[in-house]
Amino acid sequence: MPRIYISTDIEGVSGVTQESQSFADPGRYEAARMSLTRDVNAAVLGARDAGATEIVVLDGHGANAGYNFCYEELVDGARYQLGGPRTTFLEGIDEGFDALFCVGYHAMAGTRGAILDHTQSSRAIVDMWLNGQLIGELAMTAYAAAHYGVPLTLVTGDDRAAAETDALTGGTALAAIVKQGAKRQSALCLAPGEARALIRQRAAEAVRQAASIPPLRCPAPPVELKVQYLRTEMAEGFWARPDVEMLDDRTVVFRRDNVLDVMNAYAGLHFGA
């Protein structure tokens, strides 16, 4: 029976449109935590509706070190990976999972009209490339899962995240569009009940279709992840490292034998941050 891995973020969650909801304003962030929890619950319930027997959910938003869910409000029927520091990208995933869900995800940096578009850090990173392919967090997550042969089958978020998903997967993955972006912090949002009903419906469909959806094709070695930082001071720590190449004063290249190792080489700098 299906095993489902769910990775989560907060910027693509139902009703979230403001940066202050992701970490800065205590009141708004607490409300966003509850919205995230309810979106997660809807995805878990949908997966269970379709017969999923094991569901692992990663609390992946970094602003609060992997403890963003309202724990007491989470539904039964899943296990929840909480806290940090984590030891690897997508903690707990393995070859036995049948599908990856990305719940509450957002479009990559530079996507016009996307809600809270960024790649890893809106304050520090301009762009990232994987073997020359411009990528965002959706692609990072999907490729890490593909290392284990696990396909991305569902993304929940805004319409720009859905379009990025289509481009990434060739239209094989489903999307639950819970808001239509207008500007970076302005969206036309579904009502809460309608958003969760849509997520639950799409999650069930994504489980049922998982067997027919292929994982992304991982790039052949050597695998390169290029990261361009916003300011030179943000890349100063790399100059003395023998395991990276500096292309210029703010652009670093990580090279590893496979896509998961290169993701870990970058993400290991930030686990627990």
C-alpha atoms as a PDB file:
ATOM      1  CA  MET A   1       0.000   0.000   0.000  1.00  0.00           C
ATOM      2  CA  PRO A   2       1.203   3.564  -0.722  1.00  0.00           C
ATOM      3  CA  ARG A   3       3.803   5.300   1.421  1.00  0.00           C
ATOM      4  CA  ILE A   4       3.751   9.090   1.138  1.00  0.00           C
ATOM      5  CA  TYR A   5       6.421  11.635   2.115  1.00  0.00           C
ATOM      6  CA  ILE A   6       5.198  15.220   2.660  1.00  0.00           C
ATOM      7  CA  SER A   7       7.639  18.142   2.742  1.00  0.00           C
ATOM      8  CA  THR A   8       6.248  21.471   3.928  1.00  0.00           C
ATOM      9  CA  ASP A   9       6.932  25.181   3.762  1.00  0.00           C
ATOM     10  CA  ILE A  10       4.853  28.121   4.914  1.00  0.00           C
ATOM     11  CA  GLU A  11       4.853  30.796   2.197  1.00  0.00           C
ATOM     12  CA  GLY A  12       2.517  28.784  -0.050  1.00  0.00           C
ATOM     13  CA  VAL A  13       0.033  27.981   2.692  1.00  0.00           C
ATOM     14  CA  SER A  14      -3.634  28.967   2.426  1.00  0.00           C
ATOM     15  CA  GLY A  15      -4.136  32.615   3.382  1.00  0.00           C
ATOM     16  CA  VAL A  16      -0.438  33.451   3.765  1.00  0.00           C
ATOM     17  CA  THR A  17       0.576  36.532   1.770  1.00  0.00           C
ATOM     18  CA  GLN A  18       2.884  38.561   4.044  1.00  0.00           C
ATOM     19  CA  GLU A  19       6.527  38.086   5.004  1.00  0.00           C
ATOM     20  CA  SER A  20       5.530  38.856   8.591  1.00  0.00           C
ATOM     21  CA  GLN A  21       3.402  35.699   8.595  1.00  0.00           C
ATOM     22  CA  SER A  22       6.439  33.519   7.955  1.00  0.00           C
ATOM     23  CA  PHE A  23       8.492  34.574  10.980  1.00  0.00           C
ATOM     24  CA  ALA A  24       8.544  38.245  11.919  1.00  0.00           C
ATOM     25  CA  ASP A  25       5.258  39.169  13.598  1.00  0.00           C
ATOM     26  CA  PRO A  26       4.341  36.915  16.547  1.00  0.00           C
ATOM     27  CA  GLY A  27       0.601  37.260  16.123  1.00  0.00           C
ATOM     28  CA  ARG A  28       0.571  36.793  12.374  1.00  0.00           C
ATOM     29  CA  TYR A  29       3.082  33.945  12.526  1.00  0.00           C
ATOM     30  CA  GLU A  30       0.978  32.070  15.103  1.00  0.00           C
ATOM     31  CA  ALA A  31      -2.031  32.343  12.815  1.00  0.00           C
ATOM     32  CA  ALA A  32       0.071  31.155   9.854  1.00  0.00           C
ATOM     33  CA  ARG A  33       1.231  28.158  11.899  1.00  0.00           C
ATOM     34  CA  MET A  34      -2.379  27.128  12.353  1.00  0.00           C
ATOM     35  CA  SER A  35      -3.065  27.602   8.635  1.00  0.00           C
ATOM     36  CA  LEU A  36      -0.022  25.456   7.825  1.00  0.00           C
ATOM     37  CA  THR A  37      -1.217  22.766  10.227  1.00  0.00           C
ATOM     38  CA  ARG A  38      -4.664  22.688   8.648  1.00  0.00           C
ATOM     39  CA  ASP A  39      -3.236  22.454   5.126  1.00  0.00           C
ATOM     40  CA  VAL A  40      -1.036  19.565   6.297  1.00  0.00           C
ATOM     41  CA  ASN A  41      -4.012  17.873   7.916  1.00  0.00           C
ATOM     42  CA  ALA A  42      -5.965  18.134   4.667  1.00  0.00           C
ATOM     43  CA  ALA A  43      -3.097  16.523   2.735  1.00  0.00           C
ATOM     44  CA  VAL A  44      -2.776  13.715   5.279  1.00  0.00           C
ATOM     45  CA  LEU A  45      -6.510  13.053   5.257  1.00  0.00           C
ATOM     46  CA  GLY A  46      -6.573  13.013   1.457  1.00  0.00           C
ATOM     47  CA  ALA A  47      -3.698  10.551   1.317  1.00  0.00           C
ATOM     48  CA  ARG A  48      -5.469   8.337   3.827  1.00  0.00           C
ATOM     49  CA  ASP A  49      -8.697   8.576   1.802  1.00  0.00           C
ATOM     50  CA  ALA A  50      -6.801   7.032  -1.110  1.00  0.00           C
ATOM     51  CA  GLY A  51      -5.359   4.207   0.980  1.00  0.00           C
ATOM     52  CA  ALA A  52      -1.955   5.498   2.058  1.00  0.00           C
ATOM     53  CA  THR A  53      -0.692   3.268   4.851  1.00  0.00           C
ATOM     54  CA  GLU A  54       2.368   5.271   5.914  1.00  0.00           C
ATOM     55  CA  ILE A  55       2.740   9.042   5.808  1.00  0.00           C
ATOM     56  CA  VAL A  56       5.786  10.976   6.997  1.00  0.00           C
ATOM     57  CA  VAL A  57       5.531  14.766   7.202  1.00  0.00           C
ATOM     58  CA  LEU A  58       8.609  17.011   7.398  1.00  0.00           C
ATOM     59  CA  ASP A  59       8.239  20.398   9.084  1.00  0.00           C
ATOM     60  CA  GLY A  60      10.500  22.089   6.555  1.00  0.00           C
ATOM     61  CA  HIS A  61      10.129  25.841   7.091  1.00  0.00           C
ATOM     62  CA  GLY A  62      13.456  27.091   8.383  1.00  0.00           C
ATOM     63  CA  ALA A  63      12.533  30.242  10.251  1.00  0.00           C
ATOM     64  CA  ASN A  64      11.647  28.310  13.391  1.00  0.00           C
ATOM     65  CA  ALA A  65      14.096  25.381  13.031  1.00  0.00           C
ATOM     66  CA  GLY A  66      11.532  22.816  11.942  1.00  0.00           C
ATOM     67  CA  TYR A  67       8.959  23.459  14.646  1.00  0.00           C
ATOM     68  CA  ASN A  68       6.195  25.366  12.879  1.00  0.00           C
ATOM     69  CA  PHE A  69       3.261  22.956  13.175  1.00  0.00           C
ATOM     70  CA  CYS A  70       0.706  23.381  15.925  1.00  0.00           C
ATOM     71  CA  TYR A  71       1.492  19.921  17.242  1.00  0.00           C
ATOM     72  CA  GLU A  72      -1.657  19.328  19.286  1.00  0.00           C
ATOM     73  CA  GLU A  73      -3.803  20.100  16.239  1.00  0.00           C
ATOM     74  CA  LEU A  74      -2.184  17.566  13.889  1.00  0.00           C
ATOM     75  CA  VAL A  75      -4.379  14.681  12.743  1.00  0.00           C
ATOM     76  CA  ASP A  76      -3.628  11.050  13.484  1.00  0.00           C
ATOM     77  CA  GLY A  77      -2.447   8.700  10.792  1.00  0.00           C
ATOM     78  CA  ALA A  78       0.963  10.244  10.052  1.00  0.00           C
ATOM     79  CA  ARG A  79       4.336  10.680  11.692  1.00  0.00           C
ATOM     80  CA  TYR A  80       5.851  14.130  11.935  1.00  0.00           C
ATOM     81  CA  GLN A  81       9.544  15.008  11.562  1.00  0.00           C
ATOM     82  CA  LEU A  82      10.056  18.009  13.849  1.00  0.00           C
ATOM     83  CA  GLY A  83      12.935  20.102  15.100  1.00  0.00           C
ATOM     84  CA  GLY A  84      16.577  20.388  14.158  1.00  0.00           C
ATOM     85  CA  PRO A  85      19.311  20.402  13.299  1.00  0.00           C
ATOM     86  CA  ARG A  86      18.539  17.868  10.603  1.00  0.00           C
ATOM     87  CA  THR A  87      21.231  15.581   9.287  1.00  0.00           C
ATOM     88  CA  THR A  88      20.186  15.355   5.626  1.00  0.00           C
ATOM     89  CA  PHE A  89      17.955  16.934   3.010  1.00  0.00           C
ATOM     90  CA  LEU A  90      14.445  15.422   3.341  1.00  0.00           C
ATOM     91  CA  GLU A  91      15.108  13.680   6.625  1.00  0.00           C
ATOM     92  CA  GLY A  92      13.577  10.198   6.727  1.00  0.00           C
ATOM     93  CA  ILE A  93      12.846   9.666   3.046  1.00  0.00           C
ATOM     94  CA  ASP A  94      14.002   6.439   1.381  1.00  0.00           C
ATOM     95  CA  GLU A  95      13.459   4.260  -1.696  1.00  0.00           C
ATOM     96  CA  GLY A  96      10.338   2.707  -0.226  1.00  0.00           C
ATOM     97  CA  PHE A  97       8.177   5.808  -0.589  1.00  0.00           C
ATOM     98  CA  ASP A  98       5.754   5.985  -3.503  1.00  0.00           C
ATOM     99  CA  ALA A  99       5.167   9.726  -3.744  1.00  0.00           C
ATOM    100  CA  LEU A 100       6.324  13.152  -2.594  1.00  0.00           C
ATOM    101  CA  PHE A 101       3.914  15.954  -1.708  1.00  0.00           C
ATOM    102  CA  CYS A 102       5.144  19.553  -1.364  1.00  0.00           C
ATOM    103  CA  VAL A 103       2.629  21.382   0.830  1.00  0.00           C
ATOM    104  CA  GLY A 104       2.727  25.166   1.231  1.00  0.00           C
ATOM    105  CA  TYR A 105       5.443  25.698  -1.389  1.00  0.00           C
ATOM    106  CA  HIS A 106       6.225  28.890  -3.301  1.00  0.00           C
ATOM    107  CA  ALA A 107       7.760  29.902  -6.622  1.00  0.00           C
ATOM    108  CA  MET A 108      11.457  30.556  -7.107  1.00  0.00           C
ATOM    109  CA  ALA A 109      13.140  33.937  -6.746  1.00  0.00           C
ATOM    110  CA  GLY A 110      12.358  36.356  -9.536  1.00  0.00           C
ATOM    111  CA  THR A 111       8.897  35.001 -10.379  1.00  0.00           C
ATOM    112  CA  ARG A 112       6.710  38.001 -11.077  1.00  0.00           C
ATOM    113  CA  GLY A 113       3.364  37.945  -9.293  1.00  0.00           C
ATOM    114  CA  ALA A 114       4.292  34.992  -7.093  1.00  0.00           C
ATOM    115  CA  ILE A 115       3.512  35.168  -3.397  1.00  0.00           C
ATOM    116  CA  LEU A 116       6.718  35.613  -1.360  1.00  0.00           C
ATOM    117  CA  ASP A 117       8.922  34.331  -4.183  1.00  0.00           C
ATOM    118  CA  HIS A 118      12.437  33.418  -3.064  1.00  0.00           C
ATOM    119  CA  THR A 119      14.980  30.627  -3.240  1.00  0.00           C
ATOM    120  CA  GLN A 120      16.118  29.517   0.216  1.00  0.00           C
ATOM    121  CA  SER A 121      16.585  33.084   1.460  1.00  0.00           C
ATOM    122  CA  SER A 122      14.932  36.264   0.190  1.00  0.00           C
ATOM    123  CA  ARG A 123      17.603  38.261   2.017  1.00  0.00           C
ATOM    124  CA  ALA A 124      20.732  36.402   0.970  1.00  0.00           C
ATOM    125  CA  ILE A 125      20.337  34.470  -2.308  1.00  0.00           C
ATOM    126  CA  VAL A 126      19.689  35.838  -5.782  1.00  0.00           C
ATOM    127  CA  ASP A 127      19.525  32.594  -7.788  1.00  0.00           C
ATOM    128  CA  MET A 128      20.534  28.918  -7.804  1.00  0.00           C
ATOM    129  CA  TRP A 129      21.339  26.582 -10.709  1.00  0.00           C
ATOM    130  CA  LEU A 130      21.602  22.806 -10.853  1.00  0.00           C
ATOM    131  CA  ASN A 131      23.852  21.752 -13.739  1.00  0.00           C
ATOM    132  CA  GLY A 132      22.894  24.987 -15.471  1.00  0.00           C
ATOM    133  CA  GLN A 133      19.142  24.702 -14.780  1.00  0.00           C
ATOM    134  CA  LEU A 134      17.689  27.638 -12.836  1.00  0.00           C
ATOM    135  CA  ILE A 135      15.930  26.103  -9.834  1.00  0.00           C
ATOM    136  CA  GLY A 136      13.947  26.994  -6.749  1.00  0.00           C
ATOM    137  CA  GLU A 137      13.018  25.113  -3.620  1.00  0.00           C
ATOM    138  CA  LEU A 138      10.443  23.000  -5.454  1.00  0.00           C
ATOM    139  CA  ALA A 139      13.125  21.623  -7.747  1.00  0.00           C
ATOM    140  CA  MET A 140      15.588  21.131  -4.899  1.00  0.00           C
ATOM    141  CA  THR A 141      13.037  19.043  -3.035  1.00  0.00           C
ATOM    142  CA  ALA A 142      11.872  17.113  -6.093  1.00  0.00           C
ATOM    143  CA  TYR A 143      15.417  16.238  -7.186  1.00  0.00           C
ATOM    144  CA  ALA A 144      16.380  15.125  -3.687  1.00  0.00           C
ATOM    145  CA  ALA A 145      13.377  12.784  -3.698  1.00  0.00           C
ATOM    146  CA  ALA A 146      14.231  11.627  -7.213  1.00  0.00           C
ATOM    147  CA  HIS A 147      17.606  10.469  -5.916  1.00  0.00           C
ATOM    148  CA  TYR A 148      15.589   7.744  -4.137  1.00  0.00           C
ATOM    149  CA  GLY A 149      13.301   7.146  -7.109  1.00  0.00           C
ATOM    150  CA  VAL A 150      10.378   9.000  -5.482  1.00  0.00           C
ATOM    151  CA  PRO A 151       8.208  11.139  -7.809  1.00  0.00           C
ATOM    152  CA  LEU A 152       6.729  14.540  -7.017  1.00  0.00           C
ATOM    153  CA  THR A 153       2.972  14.058  -7.355  1.00  0.00           C
ATOM    154  CA  LEU A 154       1.391  17.053  -5.583  1.00  0.00           C
ATOM    155  CA  VAL A 155       2.208  20.690  -4.869  1.00  0.00           C
ATOM    156  CA  THR A 156      -0.007  23.054  -2.896  1.00  0.00           C
ATOM    157  CA  GLY A 157       0.501  26.811  -3.137  1.00  0.00           C
ATOM    158  CA  ASP A 158      -0.226  29.695  -5.470  1.00  0.00           C
ATOM    159  CA  ASP A 159      -0.763  29.655  -9.230  1.00  0.00           C
ATOM    160  CA  ARG A 160       2.872  30.540  -9.951  1.00  0.00           C
ATOM    161  CA  ALA A 161       4.102  27.596  -7.890  1.00  0.00           C
ATOM    162  CA  ALA A 162       1.715  25.417  -9.884  1.00  0.00           C
ATOM    163  CA  ALA A 163       3.123  26.747 -13.166  1.00  0.00           C
ATOM    164  CA  GLU A 164       6.664  26.081 -11.936  1.00  0.00           C
ATOM    165  CA  THR A 165       5.616  22.547 -11.043  1.00  0.00           C
ATOM    166  CA  ASP A 166       4.226  21.979 -14.536  1.00  0.00           C
ATOM    167  CA  ALA A 167       7.447  23.205 -16.129  1.00  0.00           C
ATOM    168  CA  LEU A 168       9.554  21.069 -13.801  1.00  0.00           C
ATOM    169  CA  THR A 169       7.608  17.815 -14.183  1.00  0.00           C
ATOM    170  CA  GLY A 170       6.220  18.161 -17.686  1.00  0.00           C
ATOM    171  CA  GLY A 171       2.711  18.391 -16.269  1.00  0.00           C
ATOM    172  CA  THR A 172       2.724  15.035 -14.486  1.00  0.00           C
ATOM    173  CA  ALA A 173       2.321  16.373 -10.938  1.00  0.00           C
ATOM    174  CA  LEU A 174      -0.974  17.682  -9.596  1.00  0.00           C
ATOM    175  CA  ALA A 175      -1.462  21.079  -7.977  1.00  0.00           C
ATOM    176  CA  ALA A 176      -3.861  22.442  -5.401  1.00  0.00           C
ATOM    177  CA  ILE A 177      -3.961  26.180  -6.139  1.00  0.00           C
ATOM    178  CA  VAL A 178      -5.143  27.852  -2.943  1.00  0.00           C
ATOM    179  CA  LYS A 179      -4.429  31.457  -4.025  1.00  0.00           C
ATOM    180  CA  GLN A 180      -3.860  33.516  -7.154  1.00  0.00           C
ATOM    181  CA  GLY A 181      -0.862  35.813  -6.910  1.00  0.00           C
ATOM    182  CA  ALA A 182      -1.182  39.494  -7.806  1.00  0.00           C
ATOM    183  CA  LYS A 183       1.946  41.051  -6.307  1.00  0.00           C
ATOM    184  CA  ARG A 184       4.583  39.622  -4.011  1.00  0.00           C
ATOM    185  CA  GLN A 185       2.429  40.166  -0.913  1.00  0.00           C
ATOM    186  CA  SER A 186      -1.049  40.263  -2.423  1.00  0.00           C
ATOM    187  CA  ALA A 187      -3.247  37.373  -3.535  1.00  0.00           C
ATOM    188  CA  LEU A 188      -6.809  36.340  -4.220  1.00  0.00           C
ATOM    189  CA  CYS A 189      -7.270  33.487  -1.732  1.00  0.00           C
ATOM    190  CA  LEU A 190      -9.759  30.671  -1.471  1.00  0.00           C
ATOM    191  CA  ALA A 191     -11.851  30.554   1.673  1.00  0.00           C
ATOM    192  CA  PRO A 192     -10.233  28.297   4.306  1.00  0.00           C
ATOM    193  CA  GLY A 193     -12.740  25.474   4.046  1.00  0.00           C
ATOM    194  CA  GLU A 194     -12.591  25.461   0.245  1.00  0.00           C
ATOM    195  CA  ALA A 195      -8.787  25.484   0.271  1.00  0.00           C
ATOM    196  CA  ARG A 196      -8.563  22.481   2.597  1.00  0.00           C
ATOM    197  CA  ALA A 197     -11.232  20.605   0.642  1.00  0.00           C
ATOM    198  CA  LEU A 198      -9.238  21.162  -2.548  1.00  0.00           C
ATOM    199  CA  ILE A 199      -5.991  19.995  -0.924  1.00  0.00           C
ATOM    200  CA  ARG A 200      -7.688  16.883   0.420  1.00  0.00           C
ATOM    201  CA  GLN A 201      -9.213  16.083  -2.989  1.00  0.00           C
ATOM    202  CA  ARG A 202      -5.941  16.620  -4.884  1.00  0.00           C
ATOM    203  CA  ALA A 203      -3.976  14.621  -2.298  1.00  0.00           C
ATOM    204  CA  ALA A 204      -6.236  11.628  -2.814  1.00  0.00           C
ATOM    205  CA  GLU A 205      -5.886  11.955  -6.584  1.00  0.00           C
ATOM    206  CA  ALA A 206      -2.092  12.239  -6.269  1.00  0.00           C
ATOM    207  CA  VAL A 207      -1.898   8.989  -4.311  1.00  0.00           C
ATOM    208  CA  ARG A 208      -4.052   7.161  -6.830  1.00  0.00           C
ATOM    209  CA  GLN A 209      -1.933   8.413  -9.747  1.00  0.00           C
ATOM    210  CA  ALA A 210       1.455   7.965  -8.079  1.00  0.00           C
ATOM    211  CA  ALA A 211       2.279   4.681  -9.781  1.00  0.00           C
ATOM    212  CA  SER A 212       1.992   6.315 -13.213  1.00  0.00           C
ATOM    213  CA  ILE A 213       4.153   9.367 -12.419  1.00  0.00           C
ATOM    214  CA  PRO A 214       7.915   9.058 -12.949  1.00  0.00           C
ATOM    215  CA  PRO A 215      10.477  10.750 -10.702  1.00  0.00           C
ATOM    216  CA  LEU A 216      12.565  13.551 -12.145  1.00  0.00           C
ATOM    217  CA  ARG A 217      15.623  12.408 -14.043  1.00  0.00           C
ATOM    218  CA  CYS A 218      18.594  13.297 -11.870  1.00  0.00           C
ATOM    219  CA  PRO A 219      21.558  14.999 -13.557  1.00  0.00           C
ATOM    220  CA  ALA A 220      24.555  12.835 -14.319  1.00  0.00           C
ATOM    221  CA  PRO A 221      27.745  13.359 -12.340  1.00  0.00           C
ATOM    222  CA  PRO A 222      29.535  15.544 -11.717  1.00  0.00           C
ATOM    223  CA  VAL A 223      26.563  17.408 -10.252  1.00  0.00           C
ATOM    224  CA  GLU A 224      26.995  21.147  -9.787  1.00  0.00           C
ATOM    225  CA  LEU A 225      24.947  23.481  -7.623  1.00  0.00           C
ATOM    226  CA  LYS A 226      25.740  27.148  -8.257  1.00  0.00           C
ATOM    227  CA  VAL A 227      24.567  29.704  -5.695  1.00  0.00           C
ATOM    228  CA  GLN A 228      24.702  33.450  -6.260  1.00  0.00           C
ATOM    229  CA  TYR A 229      24.536  35.455  -3.046  1.00  0.00           C
ATOM    230  CA  LEU A 230      23.186  38.974  -2.826  1.00  0.00           C
ATOM    231  CA  ARG A 231      26.284  40.585  -1.337  1.00  0.00           C
ATOM    232  CA  THR A 232      29.969  39.698  -1.314  1.00  0.00           C
ATOM    233  CA  GLU A 233      30.105  39.494   2.476  1.00  0.00           C
ATOM    234  CA  MET A 234      27.635  36.599   2.388  1.00  0.00           C
ATOM    235  CA  ALA A 235      30.114  34.491   0.401  1.00  0.00           C
ATOM    236  CA  GLU A 236      33.301  35.400   2.263  1.00  0.00           C
ATOM    237  CA  GLY A 237      33.290  32.170   4.255  1.00  0.00           C
ATOM    238  CA  PHE A 238      33.734  30.093   1.106  1.00  0.00           C
ATOM    239  CA  TRP A 239      37.078  31.493  -0.002  1.00  0.00           C
ATOM    240  CA  ALA A 240      39.082  29.317   2.388  1.00  0.00           C
ATOM    241  CA  ARG A 241      37.128  26.121   1.669  1.00  0.00           C
ATOM    242  CA  PRO A 242      38.839  23.522  -0.549  1.00  0.00           C
ATOM    243  CA  ASP A 243      35.593  21.737  -1.474  1.00  0.00           C
ATOM    244  CA  VAL A 244      33.976  24.595  -3.430  1.00  0.00           C
ATOM    245  CA  GLU A 245      34.823  26.904  -6.316  1.00  0.00           C
ATOM    246  CA  MET A 246      34.276  30.654  -6.258  1.00  0.00           C
ATOM    247  CA  LEU A 247      33.246  31.934  -9.699  1.00  0.00           C
ATOM    248  CA  ASP A 248      33.308  35.519  -8.518  1.00  0.00           C
ATOM    249  CA  ASP A 249      33.121  37.401  -5.236  1.00  0.00           C
ATOM    250  CA  ARG A 250      29.540  36.283  -4.493  1.00  0.00           C
ATOM    251  CA  THR A 251      28.977  33.100  -6.513  1.00  0.00           C
ATOM    252  CA  VAL A 252      29.940  29.658  -5.214  1.00  0.00           C
ATOM    253  CA  VAL A 253      29.792  26.262  -6.932  1.00  0.00           C
ATOM    254  CA  PHE A 254      29.349  22.983  -5.053  1.00  0.00           C
ATOM    255  CA  ARG A 255      30.321  19.798  -6.940  1.00  0.00           C
ATOM    256  CA  ARG A 256      29.451  16.290  -5.792  1.00  0.00           C
ATOM    257  CA  ASP A 257      28.852  12.828  -7.251  1.00  0.00           C
ATOM    258  CA  ASN A 258      25.062  12.908  -7.022  1.00  0.00           C
ATOM    259  CA  VAL A 259      22.199  15.324  -6.572  1.00  0.00           C
ATOM    260  CA  LEU A 260      21.504  14.462  -2.929  1.00  0.00           C
ATOM    261  CA  ASP A 261      25.126  14.980  -1.909  1.00  0.00           C
ATOM    262  CA  VAL A 262      25.258  18.356  -3.596  1.00  0.00           C
ATOM    263  CA  MET A 263      22.006  19.430  -1.905  1.00  0.00           C
ATOM    264  CA  ASN A 264      23.434  18.314   1.433  1.00  0.00           C
ATOM    265  CA  ALA A 265      26.675  20.165   0.757  1.00  0.00           C
ATOM    266  CA  TYR A 266      24.696  23.376   0.475  1.00  0.00           C
ATOM    267  CA  ALA A 267      21.939  22.670   2.979  1.00  0.00           C
ATOM    268  CA  GLY A 268      24.408  21.404   5.594  1.00  0.00           C
ATOM    269  CA  LEU A 269      25.496  24.990   6.005  1.00  0.00           C
ATOM    270  CA  HIS A 270      22.016  25.916   7.098  1.00  0.00           C
ATOM    271  CA  PHE A 271      20.595  22.933   9.002  1.00  0.00           C
ATOM    272  CA  GLY A 272      19.379  24.269  12.306  1.00  0.00           C
ATOM    273  CA  ALA A 273      19.848  27.895  11.238  1.00  0.00           C
END
